[in-house]
């Protein structure tokens, strides 16, 4: 049975750069993405969410508002 595949939307510049890679480079990118996705979806996720929530709370306490955040992004 073949491995399942997913589709990830990319901006045109990134897609073009990926298409230009050699098969060996694409294989390495694939391996890195698999490891990264596993890490993000493993039991470490609650810890990551906790850290992000703490960072958000600290930013609010220091005066960061939604309006300021949007202007930065």
N, C-alpha and C. Protein backbone atom coordinates (compact mmCIF):
# COMPACT_ATOMS: atom_id res chain seq x y z
N UNK A 1 0.84 -1.18 0.00
CA UNK A 1 0.00 0.00 0.00
C UNK A 1 0.89 1.24 0.00
N UNK A 2 0.65 2.18 -0.92
CA UNK A 2 1.48 3.39 -0.97
C UNK A 2 1.20 4.30 0.22
N UNK A 3 2.18 5.14 0.52
CA UNK A 3 2.00 6.11 1.60
C UNK A 3 0.95 7.13 1.21
N UNK A 4 0.12 7.56 2.16
CA UNK A 4 -0.86 8.60 1.86
C UNK A 4 -0.14 9.91 1.54
N UNK A 5 -0.79 10.76 0.76
CA UNK A 5 -0.22 12.06 0.39
C UNK A 5 -1.15 13.17 0.86
N UNK A 6 -0.56 14.32 1.13
CA UNK A 6 -1.33 15.51 1.46
C UNK A 6 -0.92 16.62 0.51
N UNK A 7 -1.75 17.62 0.39
CA UNK A 7 -1.45 18.78 -0.46
C UNK A 7 -1.30 19.99 0.45
N UNK A 8 -0.22 20.72 0.25
CA UNK A 8 0.04 21.93 1.05
C UNK A 8 0.13 23.11 0.09
N UNK A 9 -0.74 24.09 0.23
CA UNK A 9 -0.68 25.26 -0.65
C UNK A 9 0.62 26.04 -0.40
N UNK A 10 1.23 26.49 -1.48
CA UNK A 10 2.46 27.28 -1.39
C UNK A 10 2.32 28.55 -2.22
N UNK A 11 3.10 29.54 -1.88
CA UNK A 11 3.14 30.72 -2.73
C UNK A 11 3.90 30.35 -4.01
N UNK A 12 3.68 31.06 -5.10
CA UNK A 12 4.30 30.71 -6.38
C UNK A 12 5.83 30.62 -6.34
N UNK A 13 6.47 31.53 -5.61
CA UNK A 13 7.93 31.54 -5.54
C UNK A 13 8.46 30.26 -4.88
N UNK A 14 7.83 29.84 -3.80
CA UNK A 14 8.25 28.62 -3.10
C UNK A 14 8.00 27.39 -3.96
N UNK A 15 6.84 27.35 -4.62
CA UNK A 15 6.52 26.21 -5.49
C UNK A 15 7.54 26.10 -6.63
N UNK A 16 7.89 27.22 -7.21
CA UNK A 16 8.87 27.24 -8.31
C UNK A 16 10.24 26.75 -7.81
N UNK A 17 10.62 27.21 -6.63
CA UNK A 17 11.92 26.79 -6.06
C UNK A 17 11.91 25.29 -5.78
N UNK A 18 10.79 24.77 -5.27
CA UNK A 18 10.70 23.34 -4.99
C UNK A 18 10.77 22.54 -6.29
N UNK A 19 10.05 22.98 -7.30
CA UNK A 19 10.05 22.28 -8.58
C UNK A 19 11.45 22.21 -9.20
N UNK A 20 12.29 23.19 -8.89
CA UNK A 20 13.63 23.24 -9.46
C UNK A 20 14.63 22.33 -8.72
N UNK A 21 14.24 21.77 -7.58
CA UNK A 21 15.13 20.92 -6.81
C UNK A 21 15.37 19.58 -7.49
N UNK A 22 16.50 19.00 -7.18
CA UNK A 22 16.80 17.65 -7.67
C UNK A 22 15.96 16.64 -6.88
N UNK A 23 15.80 15.43 -7.41
CA UNK A 23 15.06 14.41 -6.66
C UNK A 23 15.66 14.15 -5.27
N UNK A 24 16.98 14.20 -5.18
CA UNK A 24 17.64 13.99 -3.88
C UNK A 24 17.28 15.11 -2.91
N UNK A 25 17.30 16.35 -3.38
CA UNK A 25 16.95 17.48 -2.52
C UNK A 25 15.48 17.40 -2.09
N UNK A 26 14.61 17.01 -3.02
CA UNK A 26 13.18 16.86 -2.69
C UNK A 26 12.99 15.78 -1.64
N UNK A 27 13.75 14.71 -1.75
CA UNK A 27 13.67 13.63 -0.77
C UNK A 27 14.07 14.12 0.63
N UNK A 28 15.11 14.94 0.68
CA UNK A 28 15.55 15.49 1.97
C UNK A 28 14.50 16.44 2.55
N UNK A 29 13.89 17.27 1.70
CA UNK A 29 12.83 18.17 2.16
C UNK A 29 11.66 17.35 2.69
N UNK A 30 11.31 16.28 1.98
CA UNK A 30 10.22 15.41 2.40
C UNK A 30 10.50 14.85 3.79
N UNK A 31 11.71 14.36 4.00
CA UNK A 31 12.07 13.78 5.30
C UNK A 31 11.97 14.83 6.40
N UNK A 32 12.44 16.04 6.13
CA UNK A 32 12.37 17.11 7.13
C UNK A 32 10.92 17.48 7.45
N UNK A 33 10.08 17.55 6.41
CA UNK A 33 8.67 17.88 6.64
C UNK A 33 7.96 16.80 7.45
N UNK A 34 8.26 15.55 7.15
CA UNK A 34 7.65 14.44 7.89
C UNK A 34 8.02 14.55 9.37
N UNK A 35 9.29 14.77 9.65
CA UNK A 35 9.73 14.88 11.04
C UNK A 35 9.09 16.09 11.73
N UNK A 36 9.01 17.20 11.02
CA UNK A 36 8.44 18.42 11.61
C UNK A 36 6.96 18.24 11.90
N UNK A 37 6.23 17.65 10.95
CA UNK A 37 4.80 17.42 11.17
C UNK A 37 4.55 16.44 12.30
N UNK A 38 5.38 15.42 12.38
CA UNK A 38 5.24 14.47 13.50
C UNK A 38 5.45 15.19 14.82
N UNK A 39 6.45 16.05 14.87
CA UNK A 39 6.73 16.80 16.10
C UNK A 39 5.60 17.73 16.48
N UNK A 40 4.99 18.36 15.49
CA UNK A 40 3.91 19.29 15.77
C UNK A 40 2.62 18.59 16.18
N UNK A 41 2.46 17.36 15.74
CA UNK A 41 1.21 16.65 16.04
C UNK A 41 1.37 15.60 17.13
N UNK A 42 2.54 15.52 17.70
CA UNK A 42 2.76 14.54 18.76
C UNK A 42 2.31 15.10 20.10
N UNK A 43 2.66 14.40 21.15
CA UNK A 43 2.28 14.83 22.49
C UNK A 43 2.93 16.14 22.89
N UNK A 44 3.86 16.64 22.09
CA UNK A 44 4.49 17.92 22.40
C UNK A 44 3.56 19.09 22.09
N UNK A 45 2.52 18.85 21.31
CA UNK A 45 1.62 19.92 20.92
C UNK A 45 1.03 20.65 22.11
N UNK A 46 0.50 19.96 23.13
CA UNK A 46 -0.01 20.71 24.29
C UNK A 46 1.04 21.62 24.91
N UNK A 47 2.28 21.17 24.95
CA UNK A 47 3.35 22.01 25.51
C UNK A 47 3.55 23.23 24.62
N UNK A 48 3.52 23.03 23.30
CA UNK A 48 3.68 24.15 22.37
C UNK A 48 2.54 25.14 22.54
N UNK A 49 1.32 24.65 22.64
CA UNK A 49 0.17 25.52 22.84
C UNK A 49 0.29 26.30 24.15
N UNK A 50 0.77 25.64 25.19
CA UNK A 50 0.95 26.31 26.48
C UNK A 50 1.97 27.45 26.34
N UNK A 51 3.05 27.18 25.66
CA UNK A 51 4.09 28.21 25.46
C UNK A 51 3.54 29.38 24.66
N UNK A 52 2.80 29.08 23.58
CA UNK A 52 2.24 30.15 22.77
C UNK A 52 1.23 30.98 23.56
N UNK A 53 0.44 30.32 24.38
CA UNK A 53 -0.51 31.05 25.23
C UNK A 53 0.21 31.96 26.21
N UNK A 54 1.28 31.47 26.80
CA UNK A 54 2.06 32.28 27.74
C UNK A 54 2.65 33.50 27.05
N UNK A 55 3.18 33.29 25.85
CA UNK A 55 3.76 34.40 25.09
C UNK A 55 2.67 35.44 24.79
N UNK A 56 1.49 34.96 24.39
CA UNK A 56 0.39 35.87 24.11
C UNK A 56 -0.02 36.67 25.33
N UNK A 57 -0.09 36.01 26.47
CA UNK A 57 -0.48 36.69 27.71
C UNK A 57 0.57 37.73 28.11
N UNK A 58 1.82 37.40 27.95
CA UNK A 58 2.89 38.36 28.28
C UNK A 58 2.83 39.57 27.36
N UNK A 59 2.57 39.32 26.07
CA UNK A 59 2.49 40.41 25.11
C UNK A 59 1.33 41.34 25.46
N UNK A 60 0.19 40.78 25.82
CA UNK A 60 -0.96 41.61 26.22
C UNK A 60 -0.63 42.40 27.47
N UNK A 61 0.03 41.77 28.42
CA UNK A 61 0.39 42.46 29.66
C UNK A 61 1.34 43.62 29.40
N UNK A 62 2.11 43.52 28.33
CA UNK A 62 3.07 44.58 27.99
C UNK A 62 2.47 45.61 27.03
N UNK A 63 1.17 45.48 26.76
CA UNK A 63 0.51 46.50 25.96
C UNK A 63 0.24 46.16 24.51
N UNK A 64 0.52 44.96 24.08
CA UNK A 64 0.25 44.59 22.70
C UNK A 64 -1.26 44.41 22.51
N UNK A 65 -1.82 45.15 21.59
CA UNK A 65 -3.24 45.03 21.29
C UNK A 65 -3.41 44.33 19.95
N UNK A 66 -4.63 43.91 19.65
CA UNK A 66 -4.92 43.27 18.37
C UNK A 66 -4.60 44.22 17.22
N UNK A 67 -4.90 45.50 17.41
CA UNK A 67 -4.64 46.51 16.38
C UNK A 67 -3.14 46.65 16.11
N UNK A 68 -2.34 46.68 17.15
CA UNK A 68 -0.88 46.78 16.98
C UNK A 68 -0.36 45.52 16.30
N UNK A 69 -0.84 44.37 16.72
CA UNK A 69 -0.42 43.10 16.11
C UNK A 69 -0.73 43.08 14.62
N UNK A 70 -1.94 43.49 14.25
CA UNK A 70 -2.32 43.50 12.84
C UNK A 70 -1.45 44.46 12.04
N UNK A 71 -1.07 45.59 12.64
CA UNK A 71 -0.23 46.55 11.92
C UNK A 71 1.18 46.00 11.71
N UNK A 72 1.62 45.14 12.64
CA UNK A 72 2.94 44.52 12.51
C UNK A 72 2.94 43.41 11.46
N UNK A 73 1.82 42.73 11.33
CA UNK A 73 1.73 41.64 10.38
C UNK A 73 1.37 42.17 9.02
